[in-house]
Amino acid sequence: MVTWIKDPAVVWTGNKERASRGVLISGGRILELVDEFPRVEYDEVFDASGLVLIPGLINCHHHFYQTLTRALPAALNKELFPWLASLYPVWSKLTEESVRASTRTAVCELLLSGCTTTVDHHYVFSKALSRAIDVQAEEIKSLGIRAILTRGSMSLSEENGGLPPSNVVQTEDVILKDSERLIDQWHDRSEGAMLQIALAPCSPFSVTEELMSASAQLAREKKVLLHTHLAETSDENSFCENLYGCRPLDYLEKVGWLSSNVWLAHGIHFSSEEIQRLGRTKMGICHCPSSNMTLASGFCPVEELRAAGAPVGLGVDGSSSNDSSNLMQELRQAYLLQRLRLGAEQFSHIDALELATTEGARLLNRDDIGEIREGACADLALFSTDELRFAGAHDPLAALVLSGAHRAEAVMVDGEWKVRNGELLDVDLGEILESQKKAAVALV
């Protein structure tokens, strides 16, 4: 079956290729970029007239389970460490049922926003919740989004100088054995992979030095990516200096993490020298603007990192610090925040789009997603500008960012439609909402 996504109003490919009359899709891949008329025969036509076609968006950092604790009164108006301290007791009550509900909620919200690839960082495990990643993998496969699920971990409790309480930490042996099991069971190494596993100790203040080193070694052996939070706040930098006697990036080098198979969430408080080191090693940074603003953490030096050679992607982060899983809205936040920091001429809507597409793909070491080109995975998002918020807009592509698109008209993942006419396909949204509400109430 060959489908022609025909005659969009605008096509932004993320590269220099032209596709003014749309694209042909076959077998989960982009078969042809159509500039005049298709060179090969097609079986069906999707009328994209009036729509803006862009590559499917890539979300490089999230915590699905946090959709259960949006706008929680106990966590409002706090910075990172007290915010975490107020939420750990709530998250310790997570069950398989609540993880299943929150995963479905987060993925549906992401798909509706035009996101086709997502990362999730789950690091809260307890006696009642040992199979969290397996539950997520099952739901990911059911919903059909492309994903990297990171096996997070916490092994350094408050009793041993860390931040999390003892009932949400695990021993290093348990963590490493489960990490290896998950890689062997779920990680797809093939081109065009729909589901992959990465290893993700939560942060320097929640895991031991031994676990950081062992995770890096296991990732190298299994050829998977590494992920963690780093340099999110000045408090975190001070914590690392007091506990380990060095700054966070020096600590990463000490435990064998300075590598191009590593990406870091937030990456705000780096010195100029550290930015150059990140660029030389091609370590990725995931910018999380809404979360950074909510927790008053600071400004990620996006353009300085990119200029140094470090890939910079975009993430919604957890819904306890963002309260939304809408990646298109996050794209607008990145656009506004970087212009505030750099000046109006230094960061454009194209720069923002690149963070959520081509840069995100580079960060995840994927060359098969993030742009519209022949042979790439057929991950696409189409947006209508036929709304009051866009009325009077002269540049439809710029309007998606400046006027604040929030819901895609159509979304395709791996050649399969997941959203049509602004609605999820083959999903009982009412049932998902009801399950999410029940799970959220049960936590508090």
Protein backbone atom coordinates (compact mmCIF):
# COMPACT_ATOMS: atom_id res chain seq x y z
CA MET A 1 0.00 0.00 0.00
CA VAL A 2 1.38 3.39 -1.07
CA THR A 3 -0.23 6.51 0.39
CA TRP A 4 0.19 9.99 -1.02
CA ILE A 5 -0.07 12.70 1.65
CA LYS A 6 -1.05 15.21 -0.96
CA ASP A 7 -0.62 18.95 -1.34
CA PRO A 8 -0.04 20.30 2.19
CA ALA A 9 -0.17 24.07 2.49
CA VAL A 10 3.42 24.01 3.80
CA VAL A 11 6.01 21.26 4.19
CA TRP A 12 8.94 21.71 6.55
CA THR A 13 11.29 18.76 6.09
CA GLY A 14 13.92 19.64 8.68
CA ASN A 15 16.53 19.61 5.92
CA LYS A 16 17.12 21.18 2.51
CA GLU A 17 14.92 18.72 0.63
CA ARG A 18 11.75 19.94 -1.10
CA ALA A 19 8.37 18.23 -0.92
CA SER A 20 5.98 20.96 -1.99
CA ARG A 21 3.32 18.45 -3.03
CA GLY A 22 3.73 16.14 -0.06
CA VAL A 23 5.16 12.67 0.43
CA LEU A 24 4.54 9.04 -0.51
CA ILE A 25 4.44 6.52 2.33
CA SER A 26 4.92 2.76 2.08
CA GLY A 27 5.85 0.03 4.56
CA GLY A 28 6.45 2.43 7.42
CA ARG A 29 8.94 4.52 5.43
CA ILE A 30 8.93 7.71 3.41
CA LEU A 31 9.10 6.39 -0.14
CA GLU A 32 9.27 9.67 -2.05
CA LEU A 33 9.24 13.43 -1.57
CA VAL A 34 6.83 14.80 -4.14
CA ASP A 35 7.75 18.14 -5.67
CA GLU A 36 5.71 18.01 -8.89
CA PHE A 37 3.99 14.65 -9.36
CA PRO A 38 4.71 11.19 -7.86
CA ARG A 39 7.27 9.14 -9.76
CA VAL A 40 5.71 5.86 -8.61
CA GLU A 41 2.13 4.63 -8.47
CA TYR A 42 0.08 5.15 -5.33
CA ASP A 43 -2.97 3.37 -3.90
CA GLU A 44 -4.65 6.03 -1.79
CA VAL A 45 -4.58 9.76 -1.17
CA PHE A 46 -4.70 11.66 2.10
CA ASP A 47 -5.87 15.18 1.30
CA ALA A 48 -3.52 17.45 3.26
CA SER A 49 -4.67 20.72 1.70
CA GLY A 50 -4.68 23.50 4.24
CA LEU A 51 -2.41 21.56 6.62
CA VAL A 52 1.19 22.16 7.69
CA LEU A 53 3.32 19.00 7.43
CA ILE A 54 6.36 18.59 9.68
CA PRO A 55 8.42 15.64 10.98
CA GLY A 56 6.89 13.94 14.00
CA LEU A 57 8.11 15.62 17.18
CA ILE A 58 10.61 13.92 19.50
CA ASN A 59 10.24 14.17 23.28
CA CYS A 60 13.60 13.48 24.90
CA HIS A 61 12.66 13.51 28.60
CA HIS A 62 9.50 12.70 30.52
CA HIS A 63 8.20 11.00 33.66
CA PHE A 64 4.88 9.46 32.67
CA TYR A 65 3.89 8.58 36.24
CA GLN A 66 3.92 12.25 37.20
CA THR A 67 0.73 12.85 35.22
CA LEU A 68 -0.91 11.50 38.40
CA THR A 69 0.38 14.41 40.51
CA ARG A 70 -0.34 17.48 38.41
CA ALA A 71 -1.00 20.66 40.39
CA LEU A 72 -0.65 18.79 43.70
CA PRO A 73 -1.10 21.36 46.50
CA ALA A 74 1.72 19.92 48.63
CA ALA A 75 4.21 20.48 45.83
CA LEU A 76 3.19 23.95 44.65
CA ASN A 77 5.52 26.96 44.81
CA LYS A 78 8.66 25.01 45.68
CA GLU A 79 12.11 24.64 44.18
CA LEU A 80 13.58 21.29 43.18
CA PHE A 81 14.78 19.71 46.44
CA PRO A 82 11.76 20.62 48.64
CA TRP A 83 9.51 19.85 45.68
CA LEU A 84 10.97 16.34 45.44
CA ALA A 85 10.79 15.84 49.21
CA SER A 86 7.05 16.64 49.14
CA LEU A 87 6.38 14.22 46.26
CA TYR A 88 8.48 11.16 47.13
CA PRO A 89 5.99 9.95 49.79
CA VAL A 90 3.17 10.20 47.23
CA TRP A 91 5.11 8.45 44.46
CA SER A 92 6.05 5.64 46.84
CA LYS A 93 2.39 4.51 46.61
CA LEU A 94 2.58 3.85 42.86
CA THR A 95 1.25 0.49 41.68
CA GLU A 96 1.28 -1.35 38.37
CA GLU A 97 -2.27 -0.14 37.76
CA SER A 98 -1.35 3.51 38.33
CA VAL A 99 1.73 3.22 36.11
CA ARG A 100 -0.42 1.67 33.39
CA ALA A 101 -3.00 4.46 33.65
CA SER A 102 -0.43 7.27 33.68
CA THR A 103 1.50 5.79 30.75
CA ARG A 104 -1.63 5.68 28.62
CA THR A 105 -2.54 9.24 29.62
CA ALA A 106 0.90 10.66 28.86
CA VAL A 107 1.25 8.84 25.52
CA CYS A 108 -2.20 9.93 24.33
CA GLU A 109 -1.46 13.53 25.27
CA LEU A 110 1.87 13.40 23.46
CA LEU A 111 0.37 11.88 20.29
CA LEU A 112 -2.33 14.54 20.16
CA SER A 113 0.37 17.23 20.33
CA GLY A 114 2.20 15.83 17.28
CA CYS A 115 4.78 13.76 19.15
CA THR A 116 5.77 10.47 17.49
CA THR A 117 8.83 9.47 19.54
CA THR A 118 9.12 9.75 23.29
CA VAL A 119 11.50 8.96 26.10
CA ASP A 120 10.29 8.08 29.56
CA HIS A 121 12.44 8.10 32.68
CA HIS A 122 10.89 5.93 35.40
CA TYR A 123 12.99 5.69 38.55
CA VAL A 124 10.50 5.06 41.39
CA PHE A 125 10.40 1.39 42.38
CA SER A 126 9.10 -0.26 45.53
CA LYS A 127 8.08 -3.67 46.85
CA ALA A 128 4.68 -3.16 45.20
CA LEU A 129 6.16 -1.92 41.94
CA SER A 130 9.01 -3.92 40.45
CA ARG A 131 7.65 -4.34 36.89
CA ALA A 132 7.05 -0.68 36.04
CA ILE A 133 9.06 -0.74 32.80
CA ASP A 134 7.37 -3.95 31.62
CA VAL A 135 3.97 -2.35 32.19
CA GLN A 136 5.05 0.71 30.23
CA ALA A 137 6.41 -1.43 27.40
CA GLU A 138 3.10 -3.26 27.11
CA GLU A 139 1.18 0.01 26.87
CA ILE A 140 3.67 1.55 24.44
CA LYS A 141 3.26 -1.39 22.09
CA SER A 142 -0.51 -1.17 22.36
CA LEU A 143 -0.67 2.57 21.61
CA GLY A 144 1.94 2.52 18.84
CA ILE A 145 4.19 5.45 19.71
CA ARG A 146 7.94 5.08 19.14
CA ALA A 147 9.73 5.06 22.50
CA ILE A 148 12.88 4.73 24.53
CA LEU A 149 12.03 3.56 28.04
CA THR A 150 14.82 4.28 30.48
CA ARG A 151 15.33 1.99 33.45
CA GLY A 152 15.79 4.59 36.14
CA SER A 153 17.14 3.86 39.59
CA MET A 154 17.69 5.28 43.06
CA SER A 155 20.07 3.56 45.47
CA LEU A 156 21.19 6.38 47.81
CA SER A 157 18.52 7.07 50.43
CA GLU A 158 18.31 10.01 52.82
CA GLU A 159 19.68 7.71 55.53
CA ASN A 160 22.91 7.45 53.53
CA GLY A 161 23.25 11.08 52.50
CA GLY A 162 20.92 11.05 49.48
CA LEU A 163 17.57 12.69 48.94
CA PRO A 164 14.93 9.94 48.41
CA PRO A 165 13.37 8.00 51.33
CA SER A 166 14.44 4.40 51.89
CA ASN A 167 11.16 2.87 50.66
CA VAL A 168 11.79 3.98 47.06
CA VAL A 169 15.42 2.91 46.70
CA GLN A 170 16.77 -0.46 45.58
CA THR A 171 20.07 -2.26 46.01
CA GLU A 172 22.63 -2.03 43.23
CA ASP A 173 22.43 -5.76 42.58
CA VAL A 174 18.65 -5.64 42.08
CA ILE A 175 18.92 -2.61 39.81
CA LEU A 176 21.63 -4.03 37.58
CA LYS A 177 20.02 -7.46 37.23
CA ASP A 178 16.70 -5.91 36.29
CA SER A 179 18.41 -3.50 33.88
CA GLU A 180 20.05 -6.39 32.05
CA ARG A 181 16.79 -8.34 31.97
CA LEU A 182 14.88 -5.41 30.48
CA ILE A 183 17.49 -4.84 27.77
CA ASP A 184 17.42 -8.51 26.81
CA GLN A 185 13.63 -8.64 26.79
CA TRP A 186 12.57 -5.34 25.24
CA HIS A 187 15.45 -3.57 23.48
CA ASP A 188 15.18 -3.56 19.68
CA ARG A 189 18.53 -2.98 17.98
CA SER A 190 17.20 -2.94 14.41
CA GLU A 191 16.91 0.12 12.19
CA GLY A 192 13.52 1.76 12.62
CA ALA A 193 13.16 0.31 16.13
CA MET A 194 9.87 1.12 17.81
CA LEU A 195 10.94 0.28 21.38
CA GLN A 196 14.34 0.57 23.00
CA ILE A 197 15.72 0.51 26.53
CA ALA A 198 18.29 2.88 28.06
CA LEU A 199 19.82 2.97 31.55
CA ALA A 200 19.11 6.01 33.69
CA PRO A 201 20.30 6.36 37.28
CA CYS A 202 18.16 9.23 38.51
CA SER A 203 20.79 11.78 39.53
CA PRO A 204 24.07 12.20 41.43
CA PHE A 205 22.13 12.88 44.63
CA SER A 206 20.05 9.68 44.51
CA VAL A 207 22.47 6.93 43.43
CA THR A 208 25.87 5.73 44.61
CA GLU A 209 29.10 6.24 42.73
CA GLU A 210 29.37 2.47 42.34
CA LEU A 211 25.99 2.27 40.60
CA MET A 212 26.87 5.11 38.22
CA SER A 213 30.05 3.30 37.18
CA ALA A 214 28.38 -0.09 36.90
CA SER A 215 25.52 1.33 34.82
CA ALA A 216 28.00 2.89 32.40
CA GLN A 217 29.83 -0.43 32.08
CA LEU A 218 26.58 -2.35 31.46
CA ALA A 219 25.46 0.20 28.87
CA ARG A 220 28.74 -0.21 27.00
CA GLU A 221 28.48 -4.00 27.09
CA LYS A 222 24.86 -3.98 25.87
CA LYS A 223 25.32 -1.03 23.50
CA VAL A 224 22.47 1.04 24.91
CA LEU A 225 22.23 4.72 25.82
CA LEU A 226 22.72 6.32 29.25
CA HIS A 227 20.59 9.09 30.73
CA THR A 228 20.39 11.09 33.96
CA HIS A 229 19.47 14.48 35.39
CA LEU A 230 22.41 16.85 35.71
CA ALA A 231 23.17 20.48 36.53
CA GLU A 232 19.50 21.30 36.94
CA THR A 233 19.95 23.64 39.91
CA SER A 234 22.76 25.37 41.75
CA ASP A 235 21.73 23.35 44.83
CA GLU A 236 22.45 20.15 42.90
CA ASN A 237 25.92 21.43 41.97
CA SER A 238 26.62 22.28 45.62
CA PHE A 239 25.32 18.88 46.74
CA CYS A 240 27.67 17.13 44.35
CA GLU A 241 30.63 19.25 45.44
CA ASN A 242 29.92 18.52 49.12
CA LEU A 243 29.33 14.78 48.63
CA TYR A 244 31.91 13.96 45.96
CA GLY A 245 34.32 16.87 46.12
CA CYS A 246 33.81 17.92 42.51
CA ARG A 247 31.33 19.53 40.14
CA PRO A 248 28.69 17.32 38.48
CA LEU A 249 30.39 17.09 35.09
CA ASP A 250 33.72 16.18 36.70
CA TYR A 251 31.84 13.52 38.63
CA LEU A 252 30.42 12.11 35.39
CA GLU A 253 33.92 11.88 33.96
CA LYS A 254 35.08 10.10 37.10
CA VAL A 255 32.38 7.41 36.75
CA GLY A 256 32.90 6.91 33.00
CA TRP A 257 29.94 8.83 31.62
CA LEU A 258 31.60 11.34 29.27
CA SER A 259 30.49 9.80 25.99
CA SER A 260 28.29 10.40 22.95
CA ASN A 261 25.95 7.63 24.13
CA VAL A 262 24.90 9.82 27.07
CA TRP A 263 22.27 12.53 27.29
CA LEU A 264 21.42 14.70 30.26
CA ALA A 265 18.15 16.26 31.34
CA HIS A 266 18.11 20.03 32.00
CA GLY A 267 21.83 20.94 31.77
CA ILE A 268 21.42 24.48 33.08
CA HIS A 269 24.34 25.22 35.39
CA PHE A 270 27.42 24.57 33.25
CA SER A 271 30.49 26.77 33.03
CA SER A 272 31.86 27.85 29.64
CA GLU A 273 34.65 25.28 29.92
CA GLU A 274 32.13 22.54 30.73
CA ILE A 275 30.04 23.46 27.70
CA GLN A 276 33.10 22.98 25.49
CA ARG A 277 33.78 19.57 27.08
CA LEU A 278 30.20 18.53 26.42
CA GLY A 279 30.56 19.60 22.81
CA ARG A 280 33.82 17.73 22.29
CA THR A 281 32.31 14.48 23.59
CA LYS A 282 28.97 15.06 21.76
CA MET A 283 26.98 14.47 24.93
CA GLY A 284 23.34 15.44 24.50
CA ILE A 285 21.29 17.85 26.59
CA CYS A 286 17.51 17.79 26.84
CA HIS A 287 16.09 21.27 27.34
CA CYS A 288 12.93 21.29 29.53
CA PRO A 289 11.77 24.93 29.49
CA SER A 290 8.41 24.69 31.28
CA SER A 291 9.82 22.60 34.11
CA ASN A 292 12.79 24.93 34.45
CA MET A 293 10.47 27.90 34.72
CA THR A 294 8.04 26.21 37.13
CA LEU A 295 10.81 25.22 39.54
CA ALA A 296 12.75 28.46 38.91
CA SER A 297 15.82 26.38 38.06
CA GLY A 298 17.40 28.70 35.49
CA PHE A 299 18.12 29.01 31.77
CA CYS A 300 19.62 26.21 29.70
CA PRO A 301 22.41 27.62 27.45
CA VAL A 302 20.90 26.03 24.34
CA GLU A 303 22.73 27.93 21.62
CA GLU A 304 26.10 27.80 23.37
CA LEU A 305 25.78 24.02 23.70
CA ARG A 306 24.78 23.63 20.04
CA ALA A 307 27.65 25.88 18.92
CA ALA A 308 30.08 23.74 20.91
CA GLY A 309 28.81 20.60 19.14
CA ALA A 310 26.47 19.11 21.75
CA PRO A 311 23.08 17.99 20.42
CA VAL A 312 20.21 19.70 22.25
CA GLY A 313 16.76 18.12 22.23
CA LEU A 314 13.48 19.11 23.82
CA GLY A 315 11.46 17.49 26.60
CA VAL A 316 8.20 18.14 28.38
CA ASP A 317 9.68 16.66 31.60
CA GLY A 318 7.34 15.25 34.21
CA SER A 319 3.82 16.53 34.56
CA SER A 320 4.44 17.40 38.21
CA SER A 321 6.77 20.22 37.15
CA ASN A 322 5.17 20.99 33.78
CA ASP A 323 1.57 19.88 34.41
CA SER A 324 1.29 19.12 30.70
CA SER A 325 2.61 16.56 28.23
CA ASN A 326 2.07 18.72 25.16
CA LEU A 327 5.29 18.81 23.16
CA MET A 328 4.12 21.42 20.65
CA GLN A 329 3.39 23.81 23.49
CA GLU A 330 6.82 23.01 24.93
CA LEU A 331 8.33 23.98 21.59
CA ARG A 332 6.74 27.41 21.94
CA GLN A 333 8.05 27.71 25.49
CA ALA A 334 11.57 26.99 24.28
CA TYR A 335 11.20 29.62 21.58
CA LEU A 336 10.08 32.29 24.05
CA LEU A 337 12.52 31.42 26.81
CA GLN A 338 15.60 31.39 24.59
CA ARG A 339 14.62 34.70 22.99
CA LEU A 340 14.25 36.20 26.46
CA ARG A 341 17.74 34.97 27.32
CA LEU A 342 19.52 35.63 24.00
CA GLY A 343 17.59 38.40 22.26
CA ALA A 344 14.97 38.44 19.53
CA GLU A 345 17.41 37.94 16.64
CA GLN A 346 19.27 34.98 18.14
CA PHE A 347 16.62 32.26 18.31
CA SER A 348 13.93 31.69 15.67
CA HIS A 349 10.89 29.46 15.27
CA ILE A 350 13.06 27.24 13.05
CA ASP A 351 15.57 26.84 15.87
CA ALA A 352 12.73 25.74 18.15
CA LEU A 353 11.42 23.27 15.56
CA GLU A 354 14.91 21.80 15.17
CA LEU A 355 15.15 21.09 18.91
CA ALA A 356 12.02 18.96 18.70
CA THR A 357 12.97 17.12 15.50
CA THR A 358 16.45 16.90 13.96
CA GLU A 359 18.33 17.73 17.17
CA GLY A 360 16.26 15.28 19.19
CA ALA A 361 17.07 12.53 16.72
CA ARG A 362 20.78 13.37 16.91
CA LEU A 363 20.63 13.35 20.71
CA LEU A 364 19.13 9.84 20.68
CA ASN A 365 21.71 8.62 18.12
CA ARG A 366 18.92 7.96 15.60
CA ASP A 367 19.38 8.78 11.91
CA ASP A 368 16.02 7.29 10.86
CA ILE A 369 13.67 9.81 12.52
CA GLY A 370 13.41 13.58 13.00
CA GLU A 371 13.23 14.70 9.38
CA ILE A 372 11.27 14.19 6.18
CA ARG A 373 13.49 12.47 3.62
CA GLU A 374 13.35 9.39 1.45
CA GLY A 375 14.06 6.26 3.48
CA ALA A 376 13.33 7.82 6.89
CA CYS A 377 10.67 6.39 9.16
CA ALA A 378 7.18 7.63 8.28
CA ASP A 379 6.70 9.64 11.49
CA LEU A 380 4.74 12.76 10.56
CA ALA A 381 2.57 15.44 12.14
CA LEU A 382 0.07 17.63 10.31
CA PHE A 383 -1.45 20.76 11.84
CA SER A 384 -4.39 22.85 10.76
CA THR A 385 -4.22 26.63 11.00
CA ASP A 386 -7.98 26.90 10.55
CA GLU A 387 -8.55 28.10 14.11
CA LEU A 388 -9.26 31.49 15.63
CA ARG A 389 -5.81 31.55 17.23
CA PHE A 390 -4.25 31.53 13.72
CA ALA A 391 -6.61 33.96 12.03
CA GLY A 392 -4.56 36.61 10.22
CA ALA A 393 -1.32 34.61 10.27
CA HIS A 394 0.83 35.11 7.15
CA ASP A 395 3.43 32.36 7.69
CA PRO A 396 1.67 29.09 8.60
CA LEU A 397 4.84 27.36 9.80
CA ALA A 398 5.86 30.25 12.03
CA ALA A 399 2.27 30.48 13.28
CA LEU A 400 2.46 26.95 14.71
CA VAL A 401 5.11 28.22 17.12
CA LEU A 402 4.21 31.88 17.57
CA SER A 403 0.44 31.49 17.78
CA GLY A 404 0.67 28.33 19.83
CA ALA A 405 -0.58 25.21 18.06
CA HIS A 406 -1.64 22.73 20.70
CA ARG A 407 -3.32 19.84 18.89
CA ALA A 408 -2.35 18.04 15.70
CA GLU A 409 -4.92 17.38 12.99
CA ALA A 410 -3.25 14.10 11.98
CA VAL A 411 -0.30 12.08 13.29
CA MET A 412 1.41 9.10 11.66
CA VAL A 413 3.88 6.79 13.42
CA ASP A 414 5.80 4.20 11.42
CA GLY A 415 3.37 4.63 8.54
CA GLU A 416 0.26 4.09 10.69
CA TRP A 417 -2.27 6.81 11.44
CA LYS A 418 -2.61 7.40 15.18
CA VAL A 419 -4.54 10.68 15.01
CA ARG A 420 -7.07 11.73 12.37
CA ASN A 421 -9.32 14.79 12.41
CA GLY A 422 -7.74 15.80 15.69
CA GLU A 423 -8.85 12.58 17.44
CA LEU A 424 -7.02 9.46 18.58
CA LEU A 425 -7.82 6.32 16.61
CA ASP A 426 -8.70 3.00 18.25
CA VAL A 427 -8.47 4.51 21.73
CA ASP A 428 -11.24 4.78 24.32
CA LEU A 429 -10.29 8.18 25.69
CA GLY A 430 -13.16 8.16 28.17
CA GLU A 431 -11.91 4.93 29.74
CA ILE A 432 -8.36 6.31 29.91
CA LEU A 433 -9.55 9.48 31.63
CA GLU A 434 -11.57 7.52 34.16
CA SER A 435 -8.69 5.18 34.99
CA GLN A 436 -6.33 8.15 35.35
CA LYS A 437 -8.65 9.98 37.74
CA LYS A 438 -9.09 6.90 39.94
CA ALA A 439 -5.35 6.27 40.04
CA ALA A 440 -4.57 9.89 40.92
CA VAL A 441 -7.11 9.94 43.78
CA ALA A 442 -5.70 6.69 45.18
CA LEU A 443 -2.24 8.24 45.61
CA VAL A 444 -3.24 11.05 47.97
